[in-house]
Amino acid sequence: MVSEILFGMDESTLAYDLQRAHSADIWFLRARFWFWGIVGSLTSFVIGQAFAVAGVNTLSIAWGGLTDFWNHLW
């Protein structure tokens, strides 16, 4: 129900569209997937490097939060 409201399609419509899709359509889907995958990977790498340059230790913060959470359970 929510996906129909947000995306305007349901599973049967999507299955029908993919069944009738041309090979060029599938190529564009793959190209879009690869493009956004590479952009997302590079962006996350750059953000991670910027955190390191700024002195933010994300692993230490995550481990400290996990241990604090565990200690507060008992």
N, C-alpha and C. Protein backbone atom coordinates (compact mmCIF):
# COMPACT_ATOMS: atom_id res chain seq x y z
N MET A 1 0.82 -1.19 0.00
CA MET A 1 0.00 0.00 0.00
C MET A 1 0.87 1.26 0.00
N VAL A 2 1.88 1.28 0.87
CA VAL A 2 2.75 2.46 0.95
C VAL A 2 3.55 2.60 -0.33
N SER A 3 4.07 1.46 -0.86
CA SER A 3 4.86 1.56 -2.09
C SER A 3 4.02 2.03 -3.26
N GLU A 4 2.75 1.66 -3.29
CA GLU A 4 1.87 2.13 -4.35
C GLU A 4 1.67 3.63 -4.27
N ILE A 5 1.58 4.15 -3.05
CA ILE A 5 1.39 5.58 -2.87
C ILE A 5 2.68 6.33 -3.23
N LEU A 6 3.82 5.81 -2.75
CA LEU A 6 5.09 6.50 -2.96
C LEU A 6 5.60 6.38 -4.39
N PHE A 7 5.51 5.18 -4.97
CA PHE A 7 6.13 4.93 -6.26
C PHE A 7 5.13 4.83 -7.40
N GLY A 8 3.85 4.70 -7.11
CA GLY A 8 2.84 4.67 -8.15
C GLY A 8 2.76 3.37 -8.91
N MET A 9 3.25 2.28 -8.34
CA MET A 9 3.16 0.99 -9.02
C MET A 9 3.05 -0.12 -7.98
N ASP A 10 2.52 -1.23 -8.41
CA ASP A 10 2.47 -2.39 -7.53
C ASP A 10 3.30 -3.51 -8.15
N GLU A 11 3.34 -4.66 -7.49
CA GLU A 11 4.20 -5.75 -7.95
C GLU A 11 3.78 -6.29 -9.31
N SER A 12 2.49 -6.40 -9.55
CA SER A 12 2.04 -6.96 -10.83
C SER A 12 2.37 -6.01 -11.99
N THR A 13 2.27 -4.72 -11.77
CA THR A 13 2.63 -3.75 -12.80
C THR A 13 4.13 -3.82 -13.10
N LEU A 14 4.94 -3.92 -12.05
CA LEU A 14 6.38 -4.01 -12.23
C LEU A 14 6.76 -5.29 -12.96
N ALA A 15 6.15 -6.41 -12.58
CA ALA A 15 6.44 -7.68 -13.25
C ALA A 15 6.04 -7.62 -14.72
N TYR A 16 4.90 -7.02 -15.02
CA TYR A 16 4.46 -6.89 -16.41
C TYR A 16 5.43 -6.01 -17.21
N ASP A 17 5.85 -4.90 -16.60
CA ASP A 17 6.77 -4.00 -17.30
C ASP A 17 8.11 -4.68 -17.57
N LEU A 18 8.63 -5.44 -16.60
CA LEU A 18 9.91 -6.12 -16.80
C LEU A 18 9.78 -7.24 -17.82
N GLN A 19 8.62 -7.87 -17.91
CA GLN A 19 8.41 -8.94 -18.87
C GLN A 19 8.40 -8.38 -20.29
N ARG A 20 7.86 -7.20 -20.46
CA ARG A 20 7.73 -6.61 -21.78
C ARG A 20 8.88 -5.65 -22.12
N ALA A 21 9.85 -5.52 -21.25
CA ALA A 21 10.94 -4.56 -21.46
C ALA A 21 11.84 -5.00 -22.60
N HIS A 22 12.37 -4.04 -23.29
CA HIS A 22 13.33 -4.31 -24.35
C HIS A 22 14.72 -4.43 -23.76
N SER A 23 15.63 -4.97 -24.53
CA SER A 23 17.00 -5.14 -24.04
C SER A 23 17.66 -3.79 -23.77
N ALA A 24 17.28 -2.76 -24.53
CA ALA A 24 17.83 -1.42 -24.28
C ALA A 24 17.37 -0.90 -22.92
N ASP A 25 16.13 -1.19 -22.54
CA ASP A 25 15.64 -0.76 -21.24
C ASP A 25 16.44 -1.41 -20.12
N ILE A 26 16.71 -2.71 -20.26
CA ILE A 26 17.49 -3.42 -19.25
C ILE A 26 18.91 -2.85 -19.19
N TRP A 27 19.49 -2.51 -20.35
CA TRP A 27 20.82 -1.93 -20.37
C TRP A 27 20.84 -0.61 -19.61
N PHE A 28 19.81 0.22 -19.80
CA PHE A 28 19.75 1.50 -19.09
C PHE A 28 19.57 1.30 -17.59
N LEU A 29 18.82 0.27 -17.18
CA LEU A 29 18.69 -0.03 -15.75
C LEU A 29 20.04 -0.43 -15.17
N ARG A 30 20.77 -1.26 -15.90
CA ARG A 30 22.09 -1.68 -15.43
C ARG A 30 23.06 -0.50 -15.39
N ALA A 31 23.02 0.33 -16.42
CA ALA A 31 23.91 1.50 -16.46
C ALA A 31 23.61 2.44 -15.30
N ARG A 32 22.32 2.63 -15.03
CA ARG A 32 21.95 3.49 -13.90
C ARG A 32 22.42 2.89 -12.59
N PHE A 33 22.28 1.59 -12.42
CA PHE A 33 22.74 0.91 -11.21
C PHE A 33 24.24 1.09 -11.03
N TRP A 34 25.03 0.85 -12.08
CA TRP A 34 26.47 0.99 -11.99
C TRP A 34 26.87 2.43 -11.73
N PHE A 35 26.23 3.38 -12.39
CA PHE A 35 26.56 4.79 -12.20
C PHE A 35 26.34 5.20 -10.75
N TRP A 36 25.15 4.93 -10.21
CA TRP A 36 24.87 5.34 -8.85
C TRP A 36 25.64 4.53 -7.81
N GLY A 37 25.96 3.28 -8.15
CA GLY A 37 26.81 2.49 -7.25
C GLY A 37 28.20 3.07 -7.13
N ILE A 38 28.77 3.46 -8.27
CA ILE A 38 30.11 4.06 -8.25
C ILE A 38 30.08 5.42 -7.57
N VAL A 39 29.08 6.24 -7.88
CA VAL A 39 28.97 7.56 -7.26
C VAL A 39 28.80 7.42 -5.74
N GLY A 40 27.96 6.49 -5.31
CA GLY A 40 27.75 6.29 -3.88
C GLY A 40 29.01 5.79 -3.18
N SER A 41 29.73 4.88 -3.82
CA SER A 41 30.97 4.36 -3.23
C SER A 41 32.02 5.45 -3.11
N LEU A 42 32.21 6.23 -4.16
CA LEU A 42 33.20 7.30 -4.10
C LEU A 42 32.82 8.37 -3.10
N THR A 43 31.54 8.68 -3.02
CA THR A 43 31.08 9.69 -2.06
C THR A 43 31.32 9.23 -0.63
N SER A 44 31.01 7.98 -0.34
CA SER A 44 31.23 7.48 1.02
C SER A 44 32.72 7.44 1.35
N PHE A 45 33.56 7.11 0.36
CA PHE A 45 35.00 7.12 0.57
C PHE A 45 35.49 8.53 0.88
N VAL A 46 35.04 9.51 0.13
CA VAL A 46 35.47 10.90 0.35
C VAL A 46 34.99 11.40 1.71
N ILE A 47 33.77 11.07 2.09
CA ILE A 47 33.26 11.48 3.40
C ILE A 47 34.08 10.84 4.52
N GLY A 48 34.42 9.56 4.35
CA GLY A 48 35.24 8.88 5.35
C GLY A 48 36.62 9.50 5.47
N GLN A 49 37.20 9.88 4.34
CA GLN A 49 38.51 10.53 4.38
C GLN A 49 38.42 11.92 5.02
N ALA A 50 37.34 12.62 4.76
CA ALA A 50 37.16 13.95 5.38
C ALA A 50 37.01 13.82 6.89
N PHE A 51 36.30 12.78 7.35
CA PHE A 51 36.20 12.54 8.80
C PHE A 51 37.58 12.26 9.39
N ALA A 52 38.38 11.46 8.70
CA ALA A 52 39.71 11.13 9.21
C ALA A 52 40.60 12.38 9.27
N VAL A 53 40.53 13.23 8.27
CA VAL A 53 41.33 14.46 8.27
C VAL A 53 40.89 15.38 9.40
N ALA A 54 39.59 15.39 9.69
CA ALA A 54 39.06 16.25 10.75
C ALA A 54 39.30 15.66 12.14
N GLY A 55 39.80 14.42 12.21
CA GLY A 55 40.11 13.82 13.50
C GLY A 55 38.94 13.10 14.13
N VAL A 56 37.91 12.79 13.35
CA VAL A 56 36.76 12.06 13.87
C VAL A 56 37.01 10.58 13.70
N ASN A 57 37.06 9.85 14.82
CA ASN A 57 37.31 8.41 14.79
C ASN A 57 35.97 7.69 14.92
N THR A 58 35.39 7.32 13.79
CA THR A 58 34.04 6.75 13.79
C THR A 58 34.01 5.36 14.42
N LEU A 59 35.06 4.56 14.25
CA LEU A 59 35.07 3.23 14.87
C LEU A 59 35.12 3.33 16.39
N SER A 60 35.91 4.25 16.91
CA SER A 60 35.98 4.44 18.35
C SER A 60 34.64 4.93 18.91
N ILE A 61 33.99 5.83 18.19
CA ILE A 61 32.69 6.33 18.62
C ILE A 61 31.66 5.22 18.62
N ALA A 62 31.65 4.39 17.57
CA ALA A 62 30.69 3.29 17.48
C ALA A 62 30.95 2.26 18.57
N TRP A 63 32.21 1.91 18.82
CA TRP A 63 32.53 0.92 19.84
C TRP A 63 32.19 1.46 21.23
N GLY A 64 32.47 2.74 21.47
CA GLY A 64 32.12 3.34 22.76
C GLY A 64 30.61 3.35 22.99
N GLY A 65 29.85 3.66 21.95
CA GLY A 65 28.39 3.63 22.08
C GLY A 65 27.87 2.24 22.34
N LEU A 66 28.46 1.25 21.68
CA LEU A 66 28.03 -0.14 21.88
C LEU A 66 28.34 -0.61 23.29
N THR A 67 29.53 -0.32 23.79
CA THR A 67 29.87 -0.74 25.15
C THR A 67 29.05 0.02 26.19
N ASP A 68 28.79 1.30 25.97
CA ASP A 68 27.93 2.04 26.90
C ASP A 68 26.52 1.47 26.92
N PHE A 69 26.00 1.13 25.75
CA PHE A 69 24.67 0.52 25.68
C PHE A 69 24.65 -0.81 26.41
N TRP A 70 25.67 -1.63 26.21
CA TRP A 70 25.74 -2.94 26.85
C TRP A 70 25.84 -2.79 28.37
N ASN A 71 26.66 -1.83 28.84
CA ASN A 71 26.82 -1.64 30.28
C ASN A 71 25.56 -1.10 30.94
N HIS A 72 24.78 -0.32 30.20
CA HIS A 72 23.55 0.22 30.77
C HIS A 72 22.43 -0.80 30.79
N LEU A 73 22.58 -1.91 30.07
CA LEU A 73 21.56 -2.97 30.12
C LEU A 73 21.57 -3.68 31.46
N TRP A 74 22.74 -3.76 32.09
CA TRP A 74 22.85 -4.51 33.35
C TRP A 74 23.00 -3.55 34.45
